[in-house]
Amino acid sequence: MTQTEPSFFVTPEGRRLAYHLTDGHGPAIVFLGGFKSDMGGTKAVHLEAWAKAEGRAFLRFDYSGHGESSEAFTDGCIGDWFADAVAAIGLIAGPVVLVGSSMGGWISLLVTRAMPDRIAGMVTIAAAPDFTQDSIWAGFDADQKAELADKGQVALPSDYGEPYIITQKLIADGRDNLVLRDPLPLPFPVRFLQGTADEDVKTSVALKLLDHATGPDMRLTLVDGADHRFSDGPCLNLITRAVSEVI
């Protein structure tokens, strides 16, 4: 992570969000991180350095309950983090290019639906639209569903550290924010990036998203052997190349 201290702003809902905003010419690039990740991740920091070298405006931020922002992770849900993203984009004037990683891909699609006139392009990295319903809930057995109903949460093991605490709020709210059940117009350049060795988001999800969305310039790139982190040198170069293409 860079050594500079983040700035903070308060959302209309009263949440205090940490962010780094780099001035430059537009369209501004906005990085939207994944579930329980933060803006200090490899992809966000790499993309920020690239944007600075290109003289481009760039924003990375922490959703509430993530990183250096306020609130507890277990109090949040997709709708909250979507609202955080909308508020963060409000820090910027003019068009933006969204770069959404994993859950950030889902958030990007929600942002597009809410403010289509602001979006100049989109890049997703292992996008996970509707994952609370199609992956987590669909993967629960009867005991886990009963535990969720009884205790309000279930702990799931994670390859990235502490277990994920899945709350009833997260599942219920996710159902109110699904994007693969209704028309999904993306009327700007879009690049979907997906690794074939991703064990968290299967290639079938990327294919479903490509098939479901509509737009004049959508492309899906599958990277043989790349995992969910999508953070080695070739993958990082592919991200910046995709951003360049959509700008």
C-alpha atoms as a PDB file:
ATOM      1  CA  MET A   1       0.000   0.000   0.000  1.00  0.00           C
ATOM      2  CA  THR A   2       1.167   3.555  -0.643  1.00  0.00           C
ATOM      3  CA  GLN A   3       2.489   5.517   2.321  1.00  0.00           C
ATOM      4  CA  THR A   4       0.194   8.527   1.978  1.00  0.00           C
ATOM      5  CA  GLU A   5      -2.670   8.833   4.432  1.00  0.00           C
ATOM      6  CA  PRO A   6      -6.164   8.479   2.999  1.00  0.00           C
ATOM      7  CA  SER A   7      -8.711  11.251   2.842  1.00  0.00           C
ATOM      8  CA  PHE A   8     -12.205  10.738   4.278  1.00  0.00           C
ATOM      9  CA  PHE A   9     -15.717  11.834   3.461  1.00  0.00           C
ATOM     10  CA  VAL A  10     -19.116  11.095   4.985  1.00  0.00           C
ATOM     11  CA  THR A  11     -21.833   9.522   2.841  1.00  0.00           C
ATOM     12  CA  PRO A  12     -25.481  10.638   2.928  1.00  0.00           C
ATOM     13  CA  GLU A  13     -26.118   7.603   5.155  1.00  0.00           C
ATOM     14  CA  GLY A  14     -23.522   8.837   7.658  1.00  0.00           C
ATOM     15  CA  ARG A  15     -20.767   6.334   6.872  1.00  0.00           C
ATOM     16  CA  ARG A  16     -17.170   7.622   6.918  1.00  0.00           C
ATOM     17  CA  LEU A  17     -15.280   6.319   3.895  1.00  0.00           C
ATOM     18  CA  ALA A  18     -11.534   6.349   3.269  1.00  0.00           C
ATOM     19  CA  TYR A  19     -10.297   7.156  -0.233  1.00  0.00           C
ATOM     20  CA  HIS A  20      -7.376   8.221  -2.407  1.00  0.00           C
ATOM     21  CA  LEU A  21      -8.168  10.564  -5.308  1.00  0.00           C
ATOM     22  CA  THR A  22      -5.552  11.417  -7.909  1.00  0.00           C
ATOM     23  CA  ASP A  23      -6.122  14.504 -10.025  1.00  0.00           C
ATOM     24  CA  GLY A  24      -5.733  14.208 -13.791  1.00  0.00           C
ATOM     25  CA  HIS A  25      -7.615  14.313 -17.041  1.00  0.00           C
ATOM     26  CA  GLY A  26     -10.724  12.263 -17.612  1.00  0.00           C
ATOM     27  CA  PRO A  27     -12.564  10.109 -17.854  1.00  0.00           C
ATOM     28  CA  ALA A  28     -11.646   9.337 -14.248  1.00  0.00           C
ATOM     29  CA  ILE A  29     -10.890   5.703 -13.449  1.00  0.00           C
ATOM     30  CA  VAL A  30     -12.708   4.326 -10.391  1.00  0.00           C
ATOM     31  CA  PHE A  31     -11.557   1.065  -8.804  1.00  0.00           C
ATOM     32  CA  LEU A  32     -14.231  -0.978  -7.025  1.00  0.00           C
ATOM     33  CA  GLY A  33     -12.787  -3.699  -4.825  1.00  0.00           C
ATOM     34  CA  GLY A  34     -14.014  -7.118  -3.832  1.00  0.00           C
ATOM     35  CA  PHE A  35     -15.777  -8.735  -0.894  1.00  0.00           C
ATOM     36  CA  LYS A  36     -13.806  -8.036   2.303  1.00  0.00           C
ATOM     37  CA  SER A  37     -10.867  -6.597   0.351  1.00  0.00           C
ATOM     38  CA  ASP A  38      -9.571  -3.040   0.571  1.00  0.00           C
ATOM     39  CA  MET A  39      -8.152  -0.276  -1.587  1.00  0.00           C
ATOM     40  CA  GLY A  40      -4.576  -1.228  -0.659  1.00  0.00           C
ATOM     41  CA  GLY A  41      -4.715  -4.365  -2.801  1.00  0.00           C
ATOM     42  CA  THR A  42      -2.243  -5.096  -5.578  1.00  0.00           C
ATOM     43  CA  LYS A  43      -4.617  -4.376  -8.468  1.00  0.00           C
ATOM     44  CA  ALA A  44      -5.843  -1.048  -7.077  1.00  0.00           C
ATOM     45  CA  VAL A  45      -2.365   0.248  -6.264  1.00  0.00           C
ATOM     46  CA  HIS A  46      -0.942  -0.923  -9.607  1.00  0.00           C
ATOM     47  CA  LEU A  47      -3.739   0.749 -11.524  1.00  0.00           C
ATOM     48  CA  GLU A  48      -3.282   3.958  -9.527  1.00  0.00           C
ATOM     49  CA  ALA A  49       0.434   4.057 -10.390  1.00  0.00           C
ATOM     50  CA  TRP A  50      -0.393   3.509 -14.057  1.00  0.00           C
ATOM     51  CA  ALA A  51      -3.017   6.267 -13.987  1.00  0.00           C
ATOM     52  CA  LYS A  52      -0.565   8.698 -12.395  1.00  0.00           C
ATOM     53  CA  ALA A  53       2.018   7.917 -15.078  1.00  0.00           C
ATOM     54  CA  GLU A  54      -0.648   8.542 -17.723  1.00  0.00           C
ATOM     55  CA  GLY A  55      -1.816  11.765 -16.086  1.00  0.00           C
ATOM     56  CA  ARG A  56      -5.292  10.329 -15.552  1.00  0.00           C
ATOM     57  CA  ALA A  57      -7.718  10.980 -12.720  1.00  0.00           C
ATOM     58  CA  PHE A  58      -8.067   7.937 -10.463  1.00  0.00           C
ATOM     59  CA  LEU A  59     -10.139   7.036  -7.400  1.00  0.00           C
ATOM     60  CA  ARG A  60      -9.848   4.079  -5.050  1.00  0.00           C
ATOM     61  CA  PHE A  61     -11.810   3.810  -1.817  1.00  0.00           C
ATOM     62  CA  ASP A  62     -12.876   1.445   0.946  1.00  0.00           C
ATOM     63  CA  TYR A  63     -16.525   0.463   1.248  1.00  0.00           C
ATOM     64  CA  SER A  64     -17.991   0.768   4.736  1.00  0.00           C
ATOM     65  CA  GLY A  65     -16.885  -2.154   6.885  1.00  0.00           C
ATOM     66  CA  HIS A  66     -13.774  -2.547   4.725  1.00  0.00           C
ATOM     67  CA  GLY A  67     -10.223  -1.273   5.123  1.00  0.00           C
ATOM     68  CA  GLU A  68      -9.991   2.097   6.850  1.00  0.00           C
ATOM     69  CA  SER A  69     -13.639   3.083   6.484  1.00  0.00           C
ATOM     70  CA  SER A  70     -16.170   3.116   9.325  1.00  0.00           C
ATOM     71  CA  GLU A  71     -18.738   0.471  10.298  1.00  0.00           C
ATOM     72  CA  ALA A  72     -18.432  -3.275  10.887  1.00  0.00           C
ATOM     73  CA  PHE A  73     -18.152  -5.640   7.927  1.00  0.00           C
ATOM     74  CA  THR A  74     -20.980  -7.796   9.267  1.00  0.00           C
ATOM     75  CA  ASP A  75     -23.340  -4.782   9.343  1.00  0.00           C
ATOM     76  CA  GLY A  76     -22.955  -4.235   5.602  1.00  0.00           C
ATOM     77  CA  CYS A  77     -24.587  -5.643   2.483  1.00  0.00           C
ATOM     78  CA  ILE A  78     -24.553  -5.218  -1.282  1.00  0.00           C
ATOM     79  CA  GLY A  79     -27.030  -2.319  -1.173  1.00  0.00           C
ATOM     80  CA  ASP A  80     -24.888  -0.450   1.363  1.00  0.00           C
ATOM     81  CA  TRP A  81     -21.695  -0.932  -0.625  1.00  0.00           C
ATOM     82  CA  PHE A  82     -23.457   0.089  -3.835  1.00  0.00           C
ATOM     83  CA  ALA A  83     -24.616   3.283  -2.083  1.00  0.00           C
ATOM     84  CA  ASP A  84     -21.027   3.832  -0.915  1.00  0.00           C
ATOM     85  CA  ALA A  85     -19.814   3.540  -4.507  1.00  0.00           C
ATOM     86  CA  VAL A  86     -22.381   6.044  -5.747  1.00  0.00           C
ATOM     87  CA  ALA A  87     -21.344   8.469  -2.996  1.00  0.00           C
ATOM     88  CA  ALA A  88     -17.647   8.011  -3.820  1.00  0.00           C
ATOM     89  CA  ILE A  89     -18.248   8.653  -7.513  1.00  0.00           C
ATOM     90  CA  GLY A  90     -19.947  11.858  -6.380  1.00  0.00           C
ATOM     91  CA  LEU A  91     -16.458  13.131  -5.469  1.00  0.00           C
ATOM     92  CA  ILE A  92     -15.686  13.266  -9.192  1.00  0.00           C
ATOM     93  CA  ALA A  93     -17.115  15.495 -11.920  1.00  0.00           C
ATOM     94  CA  GLY A  94     -17.699  14.145 -15.394  1.00  0.00           C
ATOM     95  CA  PRO A  95     -17.602  10.664 -16.904  1.00  0.00           C
ATOM     96  CA  VAL A  96     -15.933   7.698 -15.230  1.00  0.00           C
ATOM     97  CA  VAL A  97     -14.510   4.334 -16.236  1.00  0.00           C
ATOM     98  CA  LEU A  98     -15.391   1.657 -13.685  1.00  0.00           C
ATOM     99  CA  VAL A  99     -12.922  -1.126 -12.876  1.00  0.00           C
ATOM    100  CA  GLY A 100     -14.691  -3.721 -10.734  1.00  0.00           C
ATOM    101  CA  SER A 101     -12.927  -6.676  -9.127  1.00  0.00           C
ATOM    102  CA  SER A 102     -15.015  -9.688  -8.033  1.00  0.00           C
ATOM    103  CA  MET A 103     -17.864  -8.206  -5.943  1.00  0.00           C
ATOM    104  CA  GLY A 104     -16.785  -4.856  -7.375  1.00  0.00           C
ATOM    105  CA  GLY A 105     -17.910  -6.156 -10.749  1.00  0.00           C
ATOM    106  CA  TRP A 106     -21.425  -6.613  -9.345  1.00  0.00           C
ATOM    107  CA  ILE A 107     -21.281  -3.163  -7.724  1.00  0.00           C
ATOM    108  CA  SER A 108     -20.137  -1.694 -11.064  1.00  0.00           C
ATOM    109  CA  LEU A 109     -23.181  -3.157 -12.814  1.00  0.00           C
ATOM    110  CA  LEU A 110     -25.480  -1.674 -10.154  1.00  0.00           C
ATOM    111  CA  VAL A 111     -23.780   1.718 -10.550  1.00  0.00           C
ATOM    112  CA  THR A 112     -24.244   1.509 -14.309  1.00  0.00           C
ATOM    113  CA  ARG A 113     -27.942   0.839 -13.859  1.00  0.00           C
ATOM    114  CA  ALA A 114     -28.279   3.796 -11.470  1.00  0.00           C
ATOM    115  CA  MET A 115     -26.267   6.406 -13.392  1.00  0.00           C
ATOM    116  CA  PRO A 116     -25.786   5.251 -16.998  1.00  0.00           C
ATOM    117  CA  ASP A 117     -25.029   8.772 -18.219  1.00  0.00           C
ATOM    118  CA  ARG A 118     -21.894   8.937 -16.044  1.00  0.00           C
ATOM    119  CA  ILE A 119     -20.253   5.756 -17.328  1.00  0.00           C
ATOM    120  CA  ALA A 120     -17.756   5.982 -20.198  1.00  0.00           C
ATOM    121  CA  GLY A 121     -16.519   2.389 -20.002  1.00  0.00           C
ATOM    122  CA  MET A 122     -16.134  -0.646 -17.767  1.00  0.00           C
ATOM    123  CA  VAL A 123     -13.554  -3.318 -17.011  1.00  0.00           C
ATOM    124  CA  THR A 124     -14.410  -6.217 -14.710  1.00  0.00           C
ATOM    125  CA  ILE A 125     -11.961  -8.684 -13.188  1.00  0.00           C
ATOM    126  CA  ALA A 126     -13.501 -12.009 -12.148  1.00  0.00           C
ATOM    127  CA  ALA A 127     -16.853 -10.261 -11.826  1.00  0.00           C
ATOM    128  CA  ALA A 128     -19.189 -11.918  -9.323  1.00  0.00           C
ATOM    129  CA  PRO A 129     -22.698 -10.625 -10.057  1.00  0.00           C
ATOM    130  CA  ASP A 130     -25.462 -12.076  -7.863  1.00  0.00           C
ATOM    131  CA  PHE A 131     -22.946 -14.184  -5.913  1.00  0.00           C
ATOM    132  CA  THR A 132     -24.842 -13.986  -2.615  1.00  0.00           C
ATOM    133  CA  GLN A 133     -27.747 -15.821  -4.249  1.00  0.00           C
ATOM    134  CA  ASP A 134     -26.186 -17.944  -6.986  1.00  0.00           C
ATOM    135  CA  SER A 135     -23.030 -18.989  -5.145  1.00  0.00           C
ATOM    136  CA  ILE A 136     -23.397 -18.589  -1.372  1.00  0.00           C
ATOM    137  CA  TRP A 137     -27.110 -19.312  -0.857  1.00  0.00           C
ATOM    138  CA  ALA A 138     -27.187 -21.937  -3.605  1.00  0.00           C
ATOM    139  CA  GLY A 139     -24.217 -23.648  -1.953  1.00  0.00           C
ATOM    140  CA  PHE A 140     -25.717 -23.795   1.529  1.00  0.00           C
ATOM    141  CA  ASP A 141     -26.916 -27.157   2.780  1.00  0.00           C
ATOM    142  CA  ALA A 142     -30.027 -27.562   4.925  1.00  0.00           C
ATOM    143  CA  ASP A 143     -28.061 -27.189   8.185  1.00  0.00           C
ATOM    144  CA  GLN A 144     -26.455 -23.927   7.056  1.00  0.00           C
ATOM    145  CA  LYS A 145     -29.795 -22.493   5.950  1.00  0.00           C
ATOM    146  CA  ALA A 146     -31.266 -23.441   9.308  1.00  0.00           C
ATOM    147  CA  GLU A 147     -28.321 -21.868  11.166  1.00  0.00           C
ATOM    148  CA  LEU A 148     -28.732 -18.660   9.145  1.00  0.00           C
ATOM    149  CA  ALA A 149     -32.433 -18.509  10.021  1.00  0.00           C
ATOM    150  CA  ASP A 150     -31.794 -19.318  13.685  1.00  0.00           C
ATOM    151  CA  LYS A 151     -28.619 -17.338  14.457  1.00  0.00           C
ATOM    152  CA  GLY A 152     -28.691 -14.711  11.686  1.00  0.00           C
ATOM    153  CA  GLN A 153     -25.251 -15.655  10.385  1.00  0.00           C
ATOM    154  CA  VAL A 154     -23.036 -18.490   9.169  1.00  0.00           C
ATOM    155  CA  ALA A 155     -19.215 -18.661   9.119  1.00  0.00           C
ATOM    156  CA  LEU A 156     -17.649 -19.853   5.871  1.00  0.00           C
ATOM    157  CA  PRO A 157     -13.959 -20.802   5.555  1.00  0.00           C
ATOM    158  CA  SER A 158     -11.828 -18.464   3.472  1.00  0.00           C
ATOM    159  CA  ASP A 159      -8.566 -18.947   1.591  1.00  0.00           C
ATOM    160  CA  TYR A 160      -7.718 -15.315   2.380  1.00  0.00           C
ATOM    161  CA  GLY A 161      -7.594 -15.371   6.194  1.00  0.00           C
ATOM    162  CA  GLU A 162     -10.406 -15.248   8.737  1.00  0.00           C
ATOM    163  CA  PRO A 163     -13.704 -16.970   7.910  1.00  0.00           C
ATOM    164  CA  TYR A 164     -16.325 -15.014   6.023  1.00  0.00           C
ATOM    165  CA  ILE A 165     -19.309 -14.214   8.250  1.00  0.00           C
ATOM    166  CA  ILE A 166     -22.376 -14.474   6.024  1.00  0.00           C
ATOM    167  CA  THR A 167     -25.355 -12.656   7.515  1.00  0.00           C
ATOM    168  CA  GLN A 168     -29.067 -12.992   6.894  1.00  0.00           C
ATOM    169  CA  LYS A 169     -28.992  -9.304   5.914  1.00  0.00           C
ATOM    170  CA  LEU A 170     -26.373  -9.965   3.222  1.00  0.00           C
ATOM    171  CA  ILE A 171     -28.424 -12.768   1.667  1.00  0.00           C
ATOM    172  CA  ALA A 172     -31.773 -10.946   1.859  1.00  0.00           C
ATOM    173  CA  ASP A 173     -30.377  -7.659   0.545  1.00  0.00           C
ATOM    174  CA  GLY A 174     -28.527  -9.459  -2.234  1.00  0.00           C
ATOM    175  CA  ARG A 175     -31.870 -10.688  -3.568  1.00  0.00           C
ATOM    176  CA  ASP A 176     -32.986  -7.063  -3.895  1.00  0.00           C
ATOM    177  CA  ASN A 177     -29.946  -6.174  -6.002  1.00  0.00           C
ATOM    178  CA  LEU A 178     -29.678  -9.005  -8.540  1.00  0.00           C
ATOM    179  CA  VAL A 179     -28.564  -7.965 -12.042  1.00  0.00           C
ATOM    180  CA  LEU A 180     -28.753 -11.195 -14.056  1.00  0.00           C
ATOM    181  CA  ARG A 181     -32.550 -11.551 -13.897  1.00  0.00           C
ATOM    182  CA  ASP A 182     -33.510  -8.370 -15.770  1.00  0.00           C
ATOM    183  CA  PRO A 183     -32.215  -6.645 -18.914  1.00  0.00           C
ATOM    184  CA  LEU A 184     -28.652  -5.377 -18.450  1.00  0.00           C
ATOM    185  CA  PRO A 185     -27.746  -2.775 -21.094  1.00  0.00           C
ATOM    186  CA  LEU A 186     -24.084  -1.712 -21.175  1.00  0.00           C
ATOM    187  CA  PRO A 187     -24.026   1.003 -23.866  1.00  0.00           C
ATOM    188  CA  PHE A 188     -20.272   1.700 -23.724  1.00  0.00           C
ATOM    189  CA  PRO A 189     -17.024  -0.270 -24.213  1.00  0.00           C
ATOM    190  CA  VAL A 190     -16.787  -3.207 -21.790  1.00  0.00           C
ATOM    191  CA  ARG A 191     -13.978  -5.688 -21.138  1.00  0.00           C
ATOM    192  CA  PHE A 192     -14.630  -8.726 -18.926  1.00  0.00           C
ATOM    193  CA  LEU A 193     -11.450 -10.439 -17.647  1.00  0.00           C
ATOM    194  CA  GLN A 194     -11.558 -13.919 -16.134  1.00  0.00           C
ATOM    195  CA  GLY A 195      -9.012 -16.556 -15.107  1.00  0.00           C
ATOM    196  CA  THR A 196      -9.684 -20.197 -15.963  1.00  0.00           C
ATOM    197  CA  ALA A 197      -8.180 -21.387 -12.638  1.00  0.00           C
ATOM    198  CA  ASP A 198     -10.405 -19.116 -10.537  1.00  0.00           C
ATOM    199  CA  GLU A 199     -11.938 -21.286  -7.796  1.00  0.00           C
ATOM    200  CA  ASP A 200     -14.106 -18.473  -6.359  1.00  0.00           C
ATOM    201  CA  VAL A 201     -15.788 -17.302  -9.571  1.00  0.00           C
ATOM    202  CA  LYS A 202     -16.145 -19.960 -12.227  1.00  0.00           C
ATOM    203  CA  THR A 203     -15.684 -19.279 -15.941  1.00  0.00           C
ATOM    204  CA  SER A 204     -19.379 -20.093 -16.370  1.00  0.00           C
ATOM    205  CA  VAL A 205     -20.243 -16.887 -14.478  1.00  0.00           C
ATOM    206  CA  ALA A 206     -18.247 -14.783 -16.945  1.00  0.00           C
ATOM    207  CA  LEU A 207     -19.906 -16.541 -19.885  1.00  0.00           C
ATOM    208  CA  LYS A 208     -23.351 -16.016 -18.343  1.00  0.00           C
ATOM    209  CA  LEU A 209     -22.640 -12.312 -17.840  1.00  0.00           C
ATOM    210  CA  LEU A 210     -21.427 -11.902 -21.417  1.00  0.00           C
ATOM    211  CA  ASP A 211     -24.506 -13.701 -22.733  1.00  0.00           C
ATOM    212  CA  HIS A 212     -26.945 -11.786 -20.529  1.00  0.00           C
ATOM    213  CA  ALA A 213     -25.669  -8.218 -20.952  1.00  0.00           C
ATOM    214  CA  THR A 214     -26.255  -6.233 -24.126  1.00  0.00           C
ATOM    215  CA  GLY A 215     -23.974  -3.611 -25.622  1.00  0.00           C
ATOM    216  CA  PRO A 216     -22.197  -2.501 -28.780  1.00  0.00           C
ATOM    217  CA  ASP A 217     -18.637  -3.317 -27.636  1.00  0.00           C
ATOM    218  CA  MET A 218     -18.335  -6.169 -25.129  1.00  0.00           C
ATOM    219  CA  ARG A 219     -15.442  -8.622 -25.001  1.00  0.00           C
ATOM    220  CA  LEU A 220     -14.548 -11.434 -22.620  1.00  0.00           C
ATOM    221  CA  THR A 221     -10.899 -12.419 -22.193  1.00  0.00           C
ATOM    222  CA  LEU A 222     -10.148 -15.770 -20.545  1.00  0.00           C
ATOM    223  CA  VAL A 223      -6.644 -16.126 -19.110  1.00  0.00           C
ATOM    224  CA  ASP A 224      -5.468 -19.729 -18.952  1.00  0.00           C
ATOM    225  CA  GLY A 225      -4.282 -20.656 -15.463  1.00  0.00           C
ATOM    226  CA  ALA A 226      -5.049 -17.297 -13.805  1.00  0.00           C
ATOM    227  CA  ASP A 227      -6.648 -17.519 -10.356  1.00  0.00           C
ATOM    228  CA  HIS A 228      -9.079 -15.232  -8.533  1.00  0.00           C
ATOM    229  CA  ARG A 229      -6.382 -12.813  -7.389  1.00  0.00           C
ATOM    230  CA  PHE A 230      -5.522 -11.987 -11.029  1.00  0.00           C
ATOM    231  CA  SER A 231      -2.506 -10.087  -9.701  1.00  0.00           C
ATOM    232  CA  ASP A 232       0.633 -11.428 -11.366  1.00  0.00           C
ATOM    233  CA  GLY A 233       2.558  -9.311 -13.865  1.00  0.00           C
ATOM    234  CA  PRO A 234       0.810 -10.477 -17.050  1.00  0.00           C
ATOM    235  CA  CYS A 235      -2.624 -10.115 -15.449  1.00  0.00           C
ATOM    236  CA  LEU A 236      -1.867  -6.603 -14.187  1.00  0.00           C
ATOM    237  CA  ASN A 237      -0.669  -5.641 -17.656  1.00  0.00           C
ATOM    238  CA  LEU A 238      -3.873  -7.058 -19.125  1.00  0.00           C
ATOM    239  CA  ILE A 239      -5.934  -4.900 -16.751  1.00  0.00           C
ATOM    240  CA  THR A 240      -4.193  -1.694 -17.773  1.00  0.00           C
ATOM    241  CA  ARG A 241      -4.460  -2.643 -21.440  1.00  0.00           C
ATOM    242  CA  ALA A 242      -8.194  -3.254 -21.042  1.00  0.00           C
ATOM    243  CA  VAL A 243      -8.634   0.122 -19.326  1.00  0.00           C
ATOM    244  CA  SER A 244      -6.743   1.785 -22.172  1.00  0.00           C
ATOM    245  CA  GLU A 245      -9.048   0.127 -24.699  1.00  0.00           C
ATOM    246  CA  VAL A 246     -12.281   1.336 -23.110  1.00  0.00           C
ATOM    247  CA  ILE A 247     -11.115   4.927 -22.538  1.00  0.00           C
END
